[in-house]
Amino acid sequence: MKISKKLKEKRIKRVFNLYNLGFLICIVIITICLFIIFKPKKKMTVDGIEIVQTDVKEGETLDENDAKKIAVKQFKKLGESDVKESDINVKRIVRKEDEYYFITSKLNTMEIRIKDGEIVRINSAYVQLKE
């Protein structure tokens, strides 16, 4: 029994020596720093409302049905639980040579840029990147 205890202690000392613990701490610190640097940036409104990400790829335009689906997701995030695609009104508007979908529901409004599918305004508040 004494031999096995000594072997266990030697193995523990071999595994948990100062070099290995220092190496492990450095790896943890590097991973935390990389996460902080490369964490995904969230788009938020001025009021602090998180924006739904759109799946429109570069070079594609957004059609009215996709805009309705995005609007339903965003309105549900805003707390409007009983919203349906049939209850949403969509108008096409032009502002500063860009075309937008102006989407309204019972409680909320939003604007989505047609050329890239980016949500620009929610309830008349501009959307900005939060870092």
N, C-alpha and C. Protein backbone atom coordinates (compact mmCIF):
# COMPACT_ATOMS: atom_id res chain seq x y z
N MET A 1 0.80 -1.20 0.00
CA MET A 1 0.00 0.00 0.00
C MET A 1 0.85 1.27 0.00
N LYS A 2 1.95 1.24 0.74
CA LYS A 2 2.80 2.42 0.81
C LYS A 2 3.45 2.72 -0.53
N ILE A 3 3.72 1.67 -1.29
CA ILE A 3 4.35 1.86 -2.60
C ILE A 3 3.37 2.55 -3.55
N SER A 4 2.13 2.15 -3.53
CA SER A 4 1.15 2.78 -4.43
C SER A 4 0.90 4.23 -4.05
N LYS A 5 0.94 4.57 -2.76
CA LYS A 5 0.78 5.97 -2.35
C LYS A 5 1.94 6.80 -2.85
N LYS A 6 3.14 6.25 -2.75
CA LYS A 6 4.31 6.99 -3.23
C LYS A 6 4.26 7.18 -4.74
N LEU A 7 3.81 6.13 -5.45
CA LEU A 7 3.68 6.27 -6.91
C LEU A 7 2.65 7.32 -7.29
N LYS A 8 1.53 7.34 -6.56
CA LYS A 8 0.48 8.34 -6.83
C LYS A 8 1.01 9.75 -6.59
N GLU A 9 1.75 9.91 -5.49
CA GLU A 9 2.30 11.24 -5.17
C GLU A 9 3.30 11.68 -6.24
N LYS A 10 4.12 10.76 -6.73
CA LYS A 10 5.09 11.10 -7.77
C LYS A 10 4.37 11.49 -9.07
N ARG A 11 3.33 10.73 -9.40
CA ARG A 11 2.57 11.06 -10.62
C ARG A 11 1.90 12.42 -10.49
N ILE A 12 1.33 12.68 -9.33
CA ILE A 12 0.68 13.98 -9.11
C ILE A 12 1.69 15.10 -9.19
N LYS A 13 2.86 14.90 -8.59
CA LYS A 13 3.90 15.93 -8.65
C LYS A 13 4.38 16.12 -10.08
N ARG A 14 4.44 15.02 -10.84
CA ARG A 14 4.91 15.11 -12.21
C ARG A 14 3.89 15.87 -13.08
N VAL A 15 2.61 15.62 -12.86
CA VAL A 15 1.57 16.27 -13.67
C VAL A 15 1.37 17.72 -13.24
N PHE A 16 1.31 17.97 -11.96
CA PHE A 16 1.01 19.31 -11.45
C PHE A 16 2.28 20.04 -11.01
N ASN A 17 3.27 20.05 -11.85
CA ASN A 17 4.46 20.82 -11.50
C ASN A 17 4.27 22.27 -11.93
N LEU A 18 5.18 23.11 -11.54
CA LEU A 18 5.06 24.55 -11.77
C LEU A 18 5.02 24.90 -13.26
N TYR A 19 5.82 24.20 -14.06
CA TYR A 19 5.86 24.46 -15.50
C TYR A 19 4.50 24.18 -16.15
N ASN A 20 3.91 23.04 -15.84
CA ASN A 20 2.62 22.68 -16.46
C ASN A 20 1.50 23.63 -16.01
N LEU A 21 1.50 24.00 -14.75
CA LEU A 21 0.47 24.94 -14.27
C LEU A 21 0.64 26.31 -14.91
N GLY A 22 1.85 26.77 -15.06
CA GLY A 22 2.09 28.05 -15.73
C GLY A 22 1.65 28.02 -17.18
N PHE A 23 1.95 26.91 -17.85
CA PHE A 23 1.54 26.74 -19.24
C PHE A 23 0.02 26.75 -19.37
N LEU A 24 -0.67 26.07 -18.48
CA LEU A 24 -2.13 26.02 -18.49
C LEU A 24 -2.73 27.41 -18.24
N ILE A 25 -2.18 28.15 -17.31
CA ILE A 25 -2.67 29.51 -17.02
C ILE A 25 -2.47 30.42 -18.23
N CYS A 26 -1.32 30.30 -18.90
CA CYS A 26 -1.07 31.11 -20.11
C CYS A 26 -2.08 30.79 -21.21
N ILE A 27 -2.38 29.52 -21.41
CA ILE A 27 -3.36 29.12 -22.43
C ILE A 27 -4.73 29.71 -22.11
N VAL A 28 -5.14 29.66 -20.85
CA VAL A 28 -6.44 30.20 -20.44
C VAL A 28 -6.48 31.71 -20.67
N ILE A 29 -5.44 32.42 -20.32
CA ILE A 29 -5.39 33.88 -20.50
C ILE A 29 -5.43 34.23 -21.98
N ILE A 30 -4.70 33.51 -22.80
CA ILE A 30 -4.70 33.78 -24.24
C ILE A 30 -6.08 33.54 -24.84
N THR A 31 -6.76 32.46 -24.43
CA THR A 31 -8.11 32.20 -24.96
C THR A 31 -9.10 33.27 -24.55
N ILE A 32 -9.01 33.73 -23.32
CA ILE A 32 -9.91 34.80 -22.86
C ILE A 32 -9.65 36.08 -23.65
N CYS A 33 -8.40 36.42 -23.87
CA CYS A 33 -8.06 37.63 -24.63
C CYS A 33 -8.56 37.53 -26.07
N LEU A 34 -8.39 36.37 -26.71
CA LEU A 34 -8.88 36.21 -28.08
C LEU A 34 -10.39 36.31 -28.15
N PHE A 35 -11.09 35.78 -27.16
CA PHE A 35 -12.54 35.89 -27.15
C PHE A 35 -12.97 37.35 -27.02
N ILE A 36 -12.29 38.10 -26.16
CA ILE A 36 -12.64 39.51 -25.98
C ILE A 36 -12.39 40.29 -27.26
N ILE A 37 -11.30 39.99 -27.96
CA ILE A 37 -10.97 40.71 -29.18
C ILE A 37 -11.92 40.37 -30.32
N PHE A 38 -12.22 39.08 -30.48
CA PHE A 38 -13.00 38.65 -31.63
C PHE A 38 -14.45 38.31 -31.33
N LYS A 39 -14.99 38.77 -30.20
CA LYS A 39 -16.38 38.46 -29.90
C LYS A 39 -17.29 39.13 -30.92
N PRO A 40 -18.40 38.49 -31.24
CA PRO A 40 -19.29 39.06 -32.26
C PRO A 40 -19.91 40.37 -31.79
N LYS A 41 -19.95 41.32 -32.68
CA LYS A 41 -20.54 42.61 -32.36
C LYS A 41 -22.03 42.53 -32.58
N LYS A 42 -22.78 43.07 -31.65
CA LYS A 42 -24.23 43.04 -31.75
C LYS A 42 -24.73 44.39 -32.21
N LYS A 43 -25.73 44.34 -33.05
CA LYS A 43 -26.37 45.58 -33.46
C LYS A 43 -27.49 45.86 -32.49
N MET A 44 -27.53 47.10 -32.00
CA MET A 44 -28.52 47.49 -31.02
C MET A 44 -29.10 48.85 -31.45
N THR A 45 -30.30 49.11 -30.97
CA THR A 45 -30.86 50.44 -31.16
C THR A 45 -30.34 51.35 -30.06
N VAL A 46 -30.67 52.61 -30.14
CA VAL A 46 -30.26 53.55 -29.11
C VAL A 46 -30.87 53.17 -27.77
N ASP A 47 -32.05 52.56 -27.80
CA ASP A 47 -32.73 52.15 -26.57
C ASP A 47 -32.17 50.86 -25.98
N GLY A 48 -31.26 50.19 -26.68
CA GLY A 48 -30.67 48.95 -26.17
C GLY A 48 -31.39 47.69 -26.61
N ILE A 49 -32.16 47.77 -27.67
CA ILE A 49 -32.89 46.61 -28.19
C ILE A 49 -31.98 45.88 -29.17
N GLU A 50 -31.82 44.57 -29.00
CA GLU A 50 -30.96 43.79 -29.90
C GLU A 50 -31.67 43.56 -31.23
N ILE A 51 -30.89 43.61 -32.30
CA ILE A 51 -31.43 43.49 -33.65
C ILE A 51 -31.30 42.05 -34.15
N VAL A 52 -32.31 41.57 -34.84
CA VAL A 52 -32.29 40.25 -35.45
C VAL A 52 -31.34 40.27 -36.64
N GLN A 53 -30.51 39.24 -36.78
CA GLN A 53 -29.60 39.15 -37.91
C GLN A 53 -30.35 38.66 -39.14
N THR A 54 -30.08 39.28 -40.27
CA THR A 54 -30.71 38.88 -41.53
C THR A 54 -29.79 37.93 -42.29
N ASP A 55 -30.37 37.09 -43.13
CA ASP A 55 -29.60 36.12 -43.89
C ASP A 55 -29.39 36.54 -45.34
N VAL A 56 -29.44 37.83 -45.62
CA VAL A 56 -29.27 38.31 -46.99
C VAL A 56 -27.78 38.38 -47.29
N LYS A 57 -27.38 37.72 -48.37
CA LYS A 57 -25.97 37.70 -48.75
C LYS A 57 -25.64 38.93 -49.57
N GLU A 58 -24.34 39.20 -49.68
CA GLU A 58 -23.89 40.37 -50.41
C GLU A 58 -24.28 40.24 -51.88
N GLY A 59 -24.78 41.30 -52.44
CA GLY A 59 -25.19 41.30 -53.83
C GLY A 59 -26.64 40.90 -54.05
N GLU A 60 -27.30 40.35 -53.05
CA GLU A 60 -28.70 39.97 -53.17
C GLU A 60 -29.59 41.09 -52.64
N THR A 61 -30.82 41.12 -53.12
CA THR A 61 -31.78 42.08 -52.61
C THR A 61 -32.84 41.35 -51.81
N LEU A 62 -33.50 42.09 -50.97
CA LEU A 62 -34.52 41.53 -50.09
C LEU A 62 -35.89 41.64 -50.75
N ASP A 63 -36.67 40.58 -50.73
CA ASP A 63 -38.02 40.68 -51.26
C ASP A 63 -39.01 40.89 -50.11
N GLU A 64 -40.23 41.15 -50.46
CA GLU A 64 -41.24 41.54 -49.46
C GLU A 64 -41.55 40.42 -48.47
N ASN A 65 -41.59 39.19 -48.93
CA ASN A 65 -41.90 38.06 -48.03
C ASN A 65 -40.79 37.85 -47.01
N ASP A 66 -39.53 37.95 -47.44
CA ASP A 66 -38.42 37.82 -46.49
C ASP A 66 -38.43 38.97 -45.49
N ALA A 67 -38.78 40.16 -45.95
CA ALA A 67 -38.86 41.31 -45.04
C ALA A 67 -39.94 41.08 -43.98
N LYS A 68 -41.04 40.48 -44.38
CA LYS A 68 -42.10 40.17 -43.41
C LYS A 68 -41.62 39.17 -42.36
N LYS A 69 -40.88 38.13 -42.80
CA LYS A 69 -40.37 37.13 -41.86
C LYS A 69 -39.40 37.75 -40.87
N ILE A 70 -38.52 38.61 -41.37
CA ILE A 70 -37.57 39.30 -40.48
C ILE A 70 -38.32 40.19 -39.50
N ALA A 71 -39.32 40.88 -39.99
CA ALA A 71 -40.09 41.78 -39.13
C ALA A 71 -40.82 41.01 -38.03
N VAL A 72 -41.37 39.85 -38.36
CA VAL A 72 -42.06 39.04 -37.35
C VAL A 72 -41.08 38.64 -36.24
N LYS A 73 -39.87 38.20 -36.63
CA LYS A 73 -38.86 37.82 -35.62
C LYS A 73 -38.51 39.01 -34.73
N GLN A 74 -38.29 40.18 -35.37
CA GLN A 74 -37.89 41.36 -34.60
C GLN A 74 -39.02 41.84 -33.69
N PHE A 75 -40.24 41.83 -34.18
CA PHE A 75 -41.36 42.28 -33.36
C PHE A 75 -41.59 41.34 -32.18
N LYS A 76 -41.34 40.05 -32.38
CA LYS A 76 -41.46 39.11 -31.26
C LYS A 76 -40.38 39.39 -30.22
N LYS A 77 -39.19 39.78 -30.67
CA LYS A 77 -38.13 40.16 -29.72
C LYS A 77 -38.50 41.42 -28.96
N LEU A 78 -39.29 42.27 -29.57
CA LEU A 78 -39.73 43.51 -28.91
C LEU A 78 -40.88 43.27 -27.94
N GLY A 79 -41.40 42.05 -27.91
CA GLY A 79 -42.46 41.73 -26.96
C GLY A 79 -43.85 41.65 -27.56
N GLU A 80 -43.96 41.78 -28.84
CA GLU A 80 -45.27 41.70 -29.51
C GLU A 80 -45.49 40.24 -29.90
N SER A 81 -46.13 39.48 -29.03
CA SER A 81 -46.19 38.03 -29.19
C SER A 81 -47.23 37.55 -30.21
N ASP A 82 -48.28 38.30 -30.42
CA ASP A 82 -49.36 37.82 -31.28
C ASP A 82 -49.25 38.34 -32.72
N VAL A 83 -48.08 38.68 -33.17
CA VAL A 83 -47.91 39.22 -34.51
C VAL A 83 -47.79 38.07 -35.52
N LYS A 84 -48.44 38.25 -36.68
CA LYS A 84 -48.41 37.27 -37.77
C LYS A 84 -48.03 38.00 -39.05
N GLU A 85 -47.57 37.24 -40.02
CA GLU A 85 -47.19 37.86 -41.30
C GLU A 85 -48.40 38.51 -41.98
N SER A 86 -49.58 37.99 -41.74
CA SER A 86 -50.77 38.56 -42.38
C SER A 86 -51.18 39.89 -41.74
N ASP A 87 -50.74 40.15 -40.50
CA ASP A 87 -51.08 41.39 -39.80
C ASP A 87 -50.12 42.54 -40.10
N ILE A 88 -49.08 42.27 -40.86
CA ILE A 88 -48.04 43.27 -41.09
C ILE A 88 -48.31 44.00 -42.40
N ASN A 89 -48.13 45.33 -42.37
CA ASN A 89 -48.25 46.15 -43.58
C ASN A 89 -46.85 46.53 -44.05
N VAL A 90 -46.61 46.39 -45.35
CA VAL A 90 -45.29 46.69 -45.92
C VAL A 90 -45.46 47.74 -47.01
N LYS A 91 -44.67 48.82 -46.91
CA LYS A 91 -44.64 49.85 -47.94
C LYS A 91 -43.21 50.02 -48.42
N ARG A 92 -43.07 50.29 -49.67
CA ARG A 92 -41.74 50.51 -50.25
C ARG A 92 -41.52 52.02 -50.31
N ILE A 93 -40.44 52.50 -49.68
CA ILE A 93 -40.15 53.94 -49.67
C ILE A 93 -38.74 54.18 -50.19
N VAL A 94 -38.48 55.43 -50.60
CA VAL A 94 -37.15 55.83 -51.07
C VAL A 94 -36.69 56.99 -50.20
N ARG A 95 -35.47 56.86 -49.68
CA ARG A 95 -34.88 57.91 -48.86
C ARG A 95 -33.39 58.01 -49.21
N LYS A 96 -32.95 59.18 -49.61
CA LYS A 96 -31.55 59.42 -49.96
C LYS A 96 -31.04 58.40 -50.98
N GLU A 97 -31.81 58.19 -52.02
CA GLU A 97 -31.49 57.31 -53.14
C GLU A 97 -31.41 55.83 -52.75
N ASP A 98 -31.79 55.46 -51.55
CA ASP A 98 -31.86 54.06 -51.13
C ASP A 98 -33.32 53.67 -50.97
N GLU A 99 -33.62 52.43 -51.32
CA GLU A 99 -34.98 51.93 -51.16
C GLU A 99 -35.08 51.14 -49.86
N TYR A 100 -36.19 51.30 -49.18
CA TYR A 100 -36.43 50.64 -47.90
C TYR A 100 -37.83 50.03 -47.90
N TYR A 101 -38.01 49.01 -47.06
CA TYR A 101 -39.34 48.53 -46.73
C TYR A 101 -39.71 49.16 -45.39
N PHE A 102 -40.82 49.87 -45.36
CA PHE A 102 -41.34 50.43 -44.12
C PHE A 102 -42.42 49.47 -43.65
N ILE A 103 -42.16 48.81 -42.53
CA ILE A 103 -43.03 47.72 -42.06
C ILE A 103 -43.70 48.14 -40.77
N THR A 104 -45.01 47.97 -40.71
CA THR A 104 -45.76 48.34 -39.51
C THR A 104 -46.58 47.16 -39.01
N SER A 105 -46.70 47.09 -37.70
CA SER A 105 -47.59 46.14 -37.06
C SER A 105 -48.50 46.94 -36.15
N LYS A 106 -49.21 46.27 -35.26
CA LYS A 106 -50.11 47.00 -34.36
C LYS A 106 -49.35 47.94 -33.42
N LEU A 107 -48.18 47.51 -32.93
CA LEU A 107 -47.46 48.28 -31.92
C LEU A 107 -46.13 48.86 -32.37
N ASN A 108 -45.51 48.30 -33.40
CA ASN A 108 -44.15 48.69 -33.76
C ASN A 108 -44.01 49.01 -35.23
N THR A 109 -42.92 49.72 -35.55
CA THR A 109 -42.56 50.00 -36.93
C THR A 109 -41.07 49.70 -37.11
N MET A 110 -40.68 49.43 -38.35
CA MET A 110 -39.27 49.25 -38.65
C MET A 110 -39.00 49.50 -40.11
N GLU A 111 -37.73 49.79 -40.42
CA GLU A 111 -37.31 49.98 -41.80
C GLU A 111 -36.16 49.03 -42.10
N ILE A 112 -36.26 48.37 -43.25
CA ILE A 112 -35.22 47.45 -43.70
C ILE A 112 -34.74 47.92 -45.07
N ARG A 113 -33.42 48.08 -45.22
CA ARG A 113 -32.85 48.47 -46.50
C ARG A 113 -32.96 47.29 -47.46
N ILE A 114 -33.45 47.54 -48.67
CA ILE A 114 -33.71 46.48 -49.63
C ILE A 114 -32.43 45.91 -50.22
N LYS A 115 -31.44 46.74 -50.50
CA LYS A 115 -30.26 46.25 -51.21
C LYS A 115 -29.41 45.28 -50.41
N ASP A 116 -29.41 45.37 -49.07
CA ASP A 116 -28.59 44.44 -48.28
C ASP A 116 -29.35 43.80 -47.12
N GLY A 117 -30.62 44.14 -46.93
CA GLY A 117 -31.43 43.52 -45.89
C GLY A 117 -31.11 43.98 -44.48
N GLU A 118 -30.43 45.10 -44.34
CA GLU A 118 -30.05 45.59 -43.02
C GLU A 118 -31.20 46.37 -42.38
N ILE A 119 -31.45 46.07 -41.12
CA ILE A 119 -32.47 46.81 -40.37
C ILE A 119 -31.88 48.15 -39.98
N VAL A 120 -32.54 49.23 -40.40
CA VAL A 120 -31.99 50.57 -40.20
C VAL A 120 -32.66 51.28 -39.04
N ARG A 121 -33.95 51.14 -38.90
CA ARG A 121 -34.68 51.82 -37.82
C ARG A 121 -35.69 50.88 -37.21
N ILE A 122 -35.88 51.05 -35.92
CA ILE A 122 -36.95 50.37 -35.21
C ILE A 122 -37.65 51.41 -34.35
N ASN A 123 -38.94 51.57 -34.55
CA ASN A 123 -39.74 52.56 -33.83
C ASN A 123 -39.07 53.94 -33.87
N SER A 124 -38.60 54.32 -35.06
CA SER A 124 -37.96 55.60 -35.34
C SER A 124 -36.64 55.80 -34.62
N ALA A 125 -36.05 54.75 -34.05
CA ALA A 125 -34.73 54.85 -33.41
C ALA A 125 -33.71 54.22 -34.35
N TYR A 126 -32.58 54.91 -34.55
CA TYR A 126 -31.53 54.40 -35.42
C TYR A 126 -30.86 53.18 -34.79
N VAL A 127 -30.39 52.31 -35.65
CA VAL A 127 -29.66 51.11 -35.22
C VAL A 127 -28.18 51.41 -35.27
N GLN A 128 -27.43 50.97 -34.25
CA GLN A 128 -26.00 51.20 -34.22
C GLN A 128 -25.29 49.93 -33.75
N LEU A 129 -23.99 49.86 -34.00
CA LEU A 129 -23.19 48.73 -33.55
C LEU A 129 -22.81 48.94 -32.10
N LYS A 130 -23.01 47.91 -31.30
CA LYS A 130 -22.60 47.97 -29.88
C LYS A 130 -21.38 47.09 -29.71
N GLU A 131 -20.34 47.66 -29.15
CA GLU A 131 -19.10 46.90 -28.98
C GLU A 131 -18.89 46.55 -27.55
